[in-house]
């Protein structure tokens, strides 16, 4: 049943609220913020300010607002599940990996939504999630191999809500030489450890080098998708078109609070090796700010202009070059 239809009783409400109160101080990356959040939620609970919440949707909306009251962390959230939540095999306590449902991932092709060659020999890759590389890696490899001979590449992240850092590192690796490059670091409070993410010295297929890469973003673009954009922007490997992204740089884990409620609690923070900062709360700033609707045509125009200029500087008598030039010029006319 949908969240707005599920009626909750006092017992469910108490279980969810006390679960948040118990877990936040021990797990959340910023203990001081966690203590402030918990103090205010406890006060409201003891004053019966949550007693009027009678549906799952009302409980989720209210607690999400209250959990984000002090620093607006969009990763910190409560969710409702229509299906009963169960632990996956080998998972400890209440920690869950709800995004690894293989049947669901197969249905959405592991986030690889569209891969095509546009007129003018421009590659287009619509990627809608950075799913676990164990499942999505072969799809991303296949996409990049299909696009390897294009003259410029557009990667569409406008519908991408995030995913796994390992998949981010895999895709980033296609745009650099084999020598490993430090992409990002993540400090985790619960382990008191710093983990580093680097490009891979080996990738299946061809690398996409010395050719322009354009990223499309929207305010929906979030988390791992933002990391991908931020990594490549700081390394000056891409040009970003579109809207400022959502602003979520704190990785974490999902925890079950009730059969139908789970919470994502960030226990880490990202640290970019170039500027020692991240995009938390501010988002990734596009190089060329446009609406999400205009981002595609704007980037495609830039890509076509690059191809036309580059092709004219080469031997136009070559039949392949001439065909690409004609395609690019015709496509550009259609956009103007």
Protein backbone atom coordinates (compact mmCIF):
# COMPACT_ATOMS: atom_id res chain seq x y z
CA UNK A 1 0.00 0.00 0.00
CA UNK A 2 1.13 3.54 -0.72
CA UNK A 3 2.54 5.75 2.02
CA UNK A 4 -0.46 8.08 2.03
CA UNK A 5 -2.75 5.06 2.46
CA UNK A 6 -0.89 3.23 5.24
CA UNK A 7 -2.38 4.10 8.63
CA UNK A 8 0.15 4.07 11.48
CA UNK A 9 -0.61 3.49 15.14
CA UNK A 10 1.14 4.71 18.29
CA UNK A 11 3.39 1.65 18.37
CA UNK A 12 4.70 2.12 14.82
CA UNK A 13 5.17 5.84 15.34
CA UNK A 14 7.13 5.21 18.55
CA UNK A 15 9.29 2.51 16.96
CA UNK A 16 10.31 4.76 14.06
CA UNK A 17 10.94 7.87 16.16
CA UNK A 18 12.91 6.09 18.89
CA UNK A 19 14.92 4.29 16.22
CA UNK A 20 16.01 7.62 14.78
CA UNK A 21 16.78 8.96 18.26
CA UNK A 22 18.94 5.91 19.02
CA UNK A 23 20.86 5.73 15.76
CA UNK A 24 21.65 9.32 14.80
CA UNK A 25 24.10 10.16 17.62
CA UNK A 26 26.08 6.96 17.06
CA UNK A 27 26.23 7.05 13.27
CA UNK A 28 25.77 10.51 11.73
CA UNK A 29 28.99 12.05 10.42
CA UNK A 30 28.48 15.28 12.37
CA UNK A 31 27.85 14.32 16.06
CA UNK A 32 27.06 17.88 17.17
CA UNK A 33 24.34 18.19 14.53
CA UNK A 34 23.02 14.72 15.41
CA UNK A 35 22.69 15.69 19.06
CA UNK A 36 20.80 18.87 18.18
CA UNK A 37 18.45 16.98 15.86
CA UNK A 38 17.80 14.26 18.44
CA UNK A 39 17.20 16.79 21.20
CA UNK A 40 14.53 18.60 19.17
CA UNK A 41 12.85 15.38 17.99
CA UNK A 42 12.79 14.02 21.55
CA UNK A 43 11.26 17.26 22.84
CA UNK A 44 8.59 17.18 20.17
CA UNK A 45 7.87 13.51 20.84
CA UNK A 46 7.56 14.01 24.60
CA UNK A 47 5.24 16.98 23.96
CA UNK A 48 3.02 14.74 21.78
CA UNK A 49 3.69 16.89 18.72
CA UNK A 50 3.80 13.78 16.50
CA UNK A 51 0.56 12.25 17.78
CA UNK A 52 -1.46 13.83 14.94
CA UNK A 53 0.54 11.95 12.29
CA UNK A 54 -1.68 9.07 11.21
CA UNK A 55 -0.25 7.99 7.84
CA UNK A 56 3.16 6.83 6.71
CA UNK A 57 3.41 9.76 4.31
CA UNK A 58 2.79 12.28 7.08
CA UNK A 59 5.37 10.66 9.35
CA UNK A 60 8.02 10.55 6.60
CA UNK A 61 7.48 14.16 5.50
CA UNK A 62 7.52 15.53 9.04
CA UNK A 63 10.56 13.61 10.28
CA UNK A 64 12.55 14.39 7.13
CA UNK A 65 11.90 18.08 7.71
CA UNK A 66 12.96 17.80 11.34
CA UNK A 67 16.07 15.70 10.68
CA UNK A 68 17.31 18.29 8.17
CA UNK A 69 16.39 21.26 10.35
CA UNK A 70 19.94 22.29 11.28
CA UNK A 71 22.08 21.63 8.21
CA UNK A 72 19.73 20.60 5.36
CA UNK A 73 21.51 17.29 4.67
CA UNK A 74 19.39 15.75 1.88
CA UNK A 75 21.04 12.36 2.37
CA UNK A 76 19.65 12.20 5.92
CA UNK A 77 16.17 10.83 5.35
CA UNK A 78 13.39 8.48 6.37
CA UNK A 79 11.72 6.34 3.73
CA UNK A 80 8.62 4.18 3.51
CA UNK A 81 8.59 0.86 1.66
CA UNK A 82 5.42 -0.72 0.31
CA UNK A 83 7.14 -4.11 0.55
CA UNK A 84 8.20 -5.61 3.88
CA UNK A 85 11.87 -4.89 4.45
CA UNK A 86 14.18 -7.85 5.05
CA UNK A 87 17.92 -8.15 5.50
CA UNK A 88 19.98 -9.49 2.63
CA UNK A 89 22.18 -12.50 3.26
CA UNK A 90 25.38 -11.72 5.21
CA UNK A 91 24.15 -8.26 6.23
CA UNK A 92 24.68 -7.30 9.84
CA UNK A 93 22.03 -6.07 12.28
CA UNK A 94 19.67 -3.56 10.64
CA UNK A 95 21.97 -2.33 7.86
CA UNK A 96 20.49 -3.01 4.43
CA UNK A 97 21.32 -2.57 0.75
CA UNK A 98 17.92 -1.82 -0.75
CA UNK A 99 19.33 -0.79 -4.11
CA UNK A 100 20.73 -4.23 -5.00
CA UNK A 101 17.49 -5.94 -5.97
CA UNK A 102 18.77 -7.75 -9.07
CA UNK A 103 15.33 -8.23 -10.61
CA UNK A 104 14.55 -4.52 -10.34
CA UNK A 105 18.00 -3.54 -11.63
CA UNK A 106 17.63 -5.85 -14.63
CA UNK A 107 14.31 -4.20 -15.47
CA UNK A 108 15.97 -0.76 -15.63
CA UNK A 109 19.12 -2.10 -17.35
CA UNK A 110 21.24 -1.15 -14.33
CA UNK A 111 20.76 2.55 -14.95
CA UNK A 112 22.05 2.52 -18.54
CA UNK A 113 19.01 4.13 -20.14
CA UNK A 114 20.19 5.12 -23.62
CA UNK A 115 23.39 4.94 -25.67
CA UNK A 116 23.49 6.30 -29.20
CA UNK A 117 25.51 8.01 -31.89
CA UNK A 118 24.03 11.38 -32.82
CA UNK A 119 24.44 13.13 -36.16
CA UNK A 120 27.90 14.64 -36.46
CA UNK A 121 29.50 11.62 -34.77
CA UNK A 122 28.56 12.81 -31.29
CA UNK A 123 28.15 10.17 -28.59
CA UNK A 124 25.22 10.34 -26.18
CA UNK A 125 25.05 8.36 -22.92
CA UNK A 126 21.96 8.71 -20.70
CA UNK A 127 23.00 7.18 -17.36
CA UNK A 128 20.34 7.21 -14.63
CA UNK A 129 22.17 5.60 -11.72
CA UNK A 130 25.63 4.45 -10.68
CA UNK A 131 24.53 1.02 -9.55
CA UNK A 132 26.79 -1.54 -7.87
CA UNK A 133 29.66 -2.25 -10.31
CA UNK A 134 29.22 -5.96 -9.67
CA UNK A 135 26.00 -5.69 -11.67
CA UNK A 136 26.33 -2.53 -13.77
CA UNK A 137 30.01 -2.69 -14.68
CA UNK A 138 29.56 -4.79 -17.81
CA UNK A 139 26.78 -2.47 -19.06
CA UNK A 140 28.93 0.65 -18.61
CA UNK A 141 31.87 -1.06 -20.32
CA UNK A 142 29.63 -2.01 -23.25
CA UNK A 143 28.31 1.57 -23.50
CA UNK A 144 31.79 3.11 -23.50
CA UNK A 145 33.05 0.65 -26.10
CA UNK A 146 30.11 1.51 -28.34
CA UNK A 147 30.90 5.23 -27.97
CA UNK A 148 34.69 4.96 -28.21
CA UNK A 149 35.00 6.18 -31.83
CA UNK A 150 32.75 9.22 -31.54
CA UNK A 151 34.31 12.68 -31.89
CA UNK A 152 32.75 14.14 -28.74
CA UNK A 153 30.62 12.73 -25.93
CA UNK A 154 27.56 13.96 -24.01
CA UNK A 155 26.82 12.18 -20.71
CA UNK A 156 23.33 12.93 -19.44
CA UNK A 157 23.06 12.94 -15.62
CA UNK A 158 19.85 14.95 -15.41
CA UNK A 159 17.89 11.93 -14.11
CA UNK A 160 20.71 10.38 -12.08
CA UNK A 161 20.15 10.24 -8.32
CA UNK A 162 23.44 8.62 -7.33
CA UNK A 163 24.78 5.20 -6.41
CA UNK A 164 28.16 3.61 -5.77
CA UNK A 165 31.59 5.32 -5.67
CA UNK A 166 33.16 2.22 -7.25
CA UNK A 167 31.05 2.71 -10.37
CA UNK A 168 31.99 6.39 -10.43
CA UNK A 169 35.68 5.41 -10.42
CA UNK A 170 35.10 2.89 -13.22
CA UNK A 171 33.46 5.41 -15.55
CA UNK A 172 35.93 8.19 -14.67
CA UNK A 173 38.79 5.87 -15.63
CA UNK A 174 37.76 5.94 -19.30
CA UNK A 175 38.69 9.63 -19.57
CA UNK A 176 42.30 9.40 -18.34
CA UNK A 177 45.50 7.56 -19.19
CA UNK A 178 46.40 4.34 -17.30
CA UNK A 179 48.45 6.19 -14.68
CA UNK A 180 46.15 6.28 -11.60
CA UNK A 181 44.67 9.66 -10.68
CA UNK A 182 43.25 10.44 -7.24
CA UNK A 183 39.55 11.20 -7.71
CA UNK A 184 38.08 11.56 -4.23
CA UNK A 185 38.53 10.67 -0.57
CA UNK A 186 35.83 9.74 1.93
CA UNK A 187 36.23 9.91 5.69
CA UNK A 188 33.93 7.61 7.68
CA UNK A 189 33.22 8.43 11.30
CA UNK A 190 32.03 4.95 12.33
CA UNK A 191 35.31 3.35 11.19
CA UNK A 192 37.49 6.43 11.77
CA UNK A 193 39.08 5.67 8.40
CA UNK A 194 39.84 7.55 5.21
CA UNK A 195 39.18 5.73 1.94
CA UNK A 196 40.57 6.98 -1.36
CA UNK A 197 39.09 6.55 -4.84
CA UNK A 198 41.47 6.42 -7.85
CA UNK A 199 41.12 5.83 -11.58
CA UNK A 200 41.84 2.27 -12.65
CA UNK A 201 45.12 1.33 -14.38
CA UNK A 202 43.22 -1.17 -16.54
CA UNK A 203 39.77 -0.92 -18.07
CA UNK A 204 38.08 -3.17 -20.65
CA UNK A 205 38.05 -1.56 -24.07
CA UNK A 206 39.29 1.80 -25.32
CA UNK A 207 39.85 4.93 -23.25
CA UNK A 208 38.15 8.13 -24.31
CA UNK A 209 41.13 10.49 -24.49
CA UNK A 210 41.84 13.87 -26.13
CA UNK A 211 38.18 14.38 -27.06
CA UNK A 212 35.68 16.72 -25.38
CA UNK A 213 33.23 15.38 -22.81
CA UNK A 214 30.09 17.33 -21.90
CA UNK A 215 27.92 16.58 -18.85
CA UNK A 216 24.24 17.49 -18.45
CA UNK A 217 22.94 18.17 -14.94
CA UNK A 218 19.71 19.15 -13.20
CA UNK A 219 18.67 19.87 -9.64
CA UNK A 220 17.77 16.17 -9.43
CA UNK A 221 21.38 15.11 -10.10
CA UNK A 222 22.58 13.89 -6.71
CA UNK A 223 25.16 12.04 -4.61
CA UNK A 224 27.39 9.72 -6.70
CA UNK A 225 26.30 11.47 -9.91
CA UNK A 226 27.49 14.71 -8.35
CA UNK A 227 30.77 13.07 -7.36
CA UNK A 228 31.32 12.00 -10.97
CA UNK A 229 30.69 15.55 -12.20
CA UNK A 230 32.73 17.15 -9.41
CA UNK A 231 35.69 14.78 -9.87
CA UNK A 232 35.95 15.46 -13.59
CA UNK A 233 35.28 19.19 -13.23
CA UNK A 234 38.07 19.62 -10.68
CA UNK A 235 40.42 17.71 -13.00
CA UNK A 236 39.31 19.97 -15.89
CA UNK A 237 38.25 17.02 -18.00
CA UNK A 238 34.63 18.02 -18.72
CA UNK A 239 32.36 20.94 -19.45
CA UNK A 240 29.10 20.89 -17.48
CA UNK A 241 25.82 22.25 -18.87
CA UNK A 242 22.58 22.60 -16.96
CA UNK A 243 21.38 23.33 -13.46
CA UNK A 244 23.14 23.38 -10.09
CA UNK A 245 22.93 19.85 -8.68
CA UNK A 246 21.21 18.69 -5.49
CA UNK A 247 24.12 19.06 -3.08
CA UNK A 248 24.61 15.69 -1.36
CA UNK A 249 28.22 14.75 -0.58
CA UNK A 250 27.86 12.65 2.57
CA UNK A 251 27.85 8.86 1.94
CA UNK A 252 26.11 6.51 4.35
CA UNK A 253 24.01 3.41 4.91
CA UNK A 254 20.35 2.41 5.06
CA UNK A 255 18.97 1.01 8.35
CA UNK A 256 15.68 -0.76 9.01
CA UNK A 257 13.55 0.87 11.72
CA UNK A 258 10.33 -1.05 11.08
CA UNK A 259 8.96 -3.55 8.57
CA UNK A 260 8.03 -0.64 6.26
CA UNK A 261 10.37 2.17 7.34
CA UNK A 262 14.09 2.61 6.79
CA UNK A 263 16.44 5.52 7.23
CA UNK A 264 19.56 6.59 5.37
CA UNK A 265 22.17 7.99 7.77
CA UNK A 266 25.37 9.54 6.36
CA UNK A 267 28.38 8.37 8.31
CA UNK A 268 30.98 9.86 5.96
CA UNK A 269 31.95 12.98 4.06
CA UNK A 270 33.72 13.50 0.73
CA UNK A 271 37.03 15.35 0.43
CA UNK A 272 38.17 16.29 -3.06
CA UNK A 273 41.99 16.01 -3.42
CA UNK A 274 42.23 19.11 -5.62
CA UNK A 275 40.49 21.68 -3.42
CA UNK A 276 39.97 19.72 -0.17
CA UNK A 277 36.25 20.58 -0.37
CA UNK A 278 33.04 18.97 -1.62
CA UNK A 279 29.60 19.87 -2.98
CA UNK A 280 27.55 19.32 0.19
CA UNK A 281 24.73 21.85 0.44
CA UNK A 282 25.92 23.88 -2.55
CA UNK A 283 25.80 21.40 -5.43
CA UNK A 284 28.06 21.15 -8.44
CA UNK A 285 28.14 24.46 -10.29
CA UNK A 286 27.78 24.07 -14.10
CA UNK A 287 30.34 25.70 -16.36
CA UNK A 288 27.45 26.90 -18.50
CA UNK A 289 24.26 27.48 -16.50
CA UNK A 290 21.05 26.64 -18.37
CA UNK A 291 17.71 25.09 -17.55
CA UNK A 292 17.62 21.31 -17.57
CA UNK A 293 15.44 21.48 -20.70
CA UNK A 294 17.97 23.65 -22.57
CA UNK A 295 21.03 21.72 -21.41
CA UNK A 296 20.89 19.07 -24.14
CA UNK A 297 20.65 21.42 -27.13
CA UNK A 298 23.27 23.77 -25.65
CA UNK A 299 25.77 20.96 -25.13
CA UNK A 300 24.99 19.38 -28.51
CA UNK A 301 25.58 22.75 -30.20
CA UNK A 302 28.98 23.04 -28.54
CA UNK A 303 29.83 19.48 -29.53
CA UNK A 304 28.85 20.06 -33.17
CA UNK A 305 30.84 23.28 -33.31
CA UNK A 306 33.87 21.39 -32.02
CA UNK A 307 33.45 18.66 -34.64
CA UNK A 308 33.00 21.18 -37.47
CA UNK A 309 36.08 23.17 -36.46
CA UNK A 310 38.19 20.06 -35.92
CA UNK A 311 37.09 18.44 -39.19
CA UNK A 312 37.75 21.56 -41.26
CA UNK A 313 41.27 21.69 -39.87
CA UNK A 314 41.86 18.17 -41.16
CA UNK A 315 41.79 16.77 -44.68
CA UNK A 316 38.25 17.52 -45.88
CA UNK A 317 38.87 15.49 -49.02
CA UNK A 318 38.85 12.36 -46.89
CA UNK A 319 35.41 10.84 -47.51
CA UNK A 320 34.88 9.90 -43.86
CA UNK A 321 35.80 13.39 -42.65
CA UNK A 322 33.60 14.96 -45.30
CA UNK A 323 30.62 12.83 -44.27
CA UNK A 324 31.08 13.75 -40.59
CA UNK A 325 31.39 17.43 -41.50
CA UNK A 326 28.20 17.34 -43.58
CA UNK A 327 26.32 15.56 -40.78
CA UNK A 328 27.52 18.03 -38.17
CA UNK A 329 26.69 21.10 -40.25
CA UNK A 330 23.22 19.78 -41.07
CA UNK A 331 22.53 18.93 -37.41
CA UNK A 332 23.71 22.36 -36.30
CA UNK A 333 21.37 24.03 -38.80
CA UNK A 334 18.50 22.05 -37.29
CA UNK A 335 19.29 23.41 -33.81
CA UNK A 336 19.44 27.03 -34.92
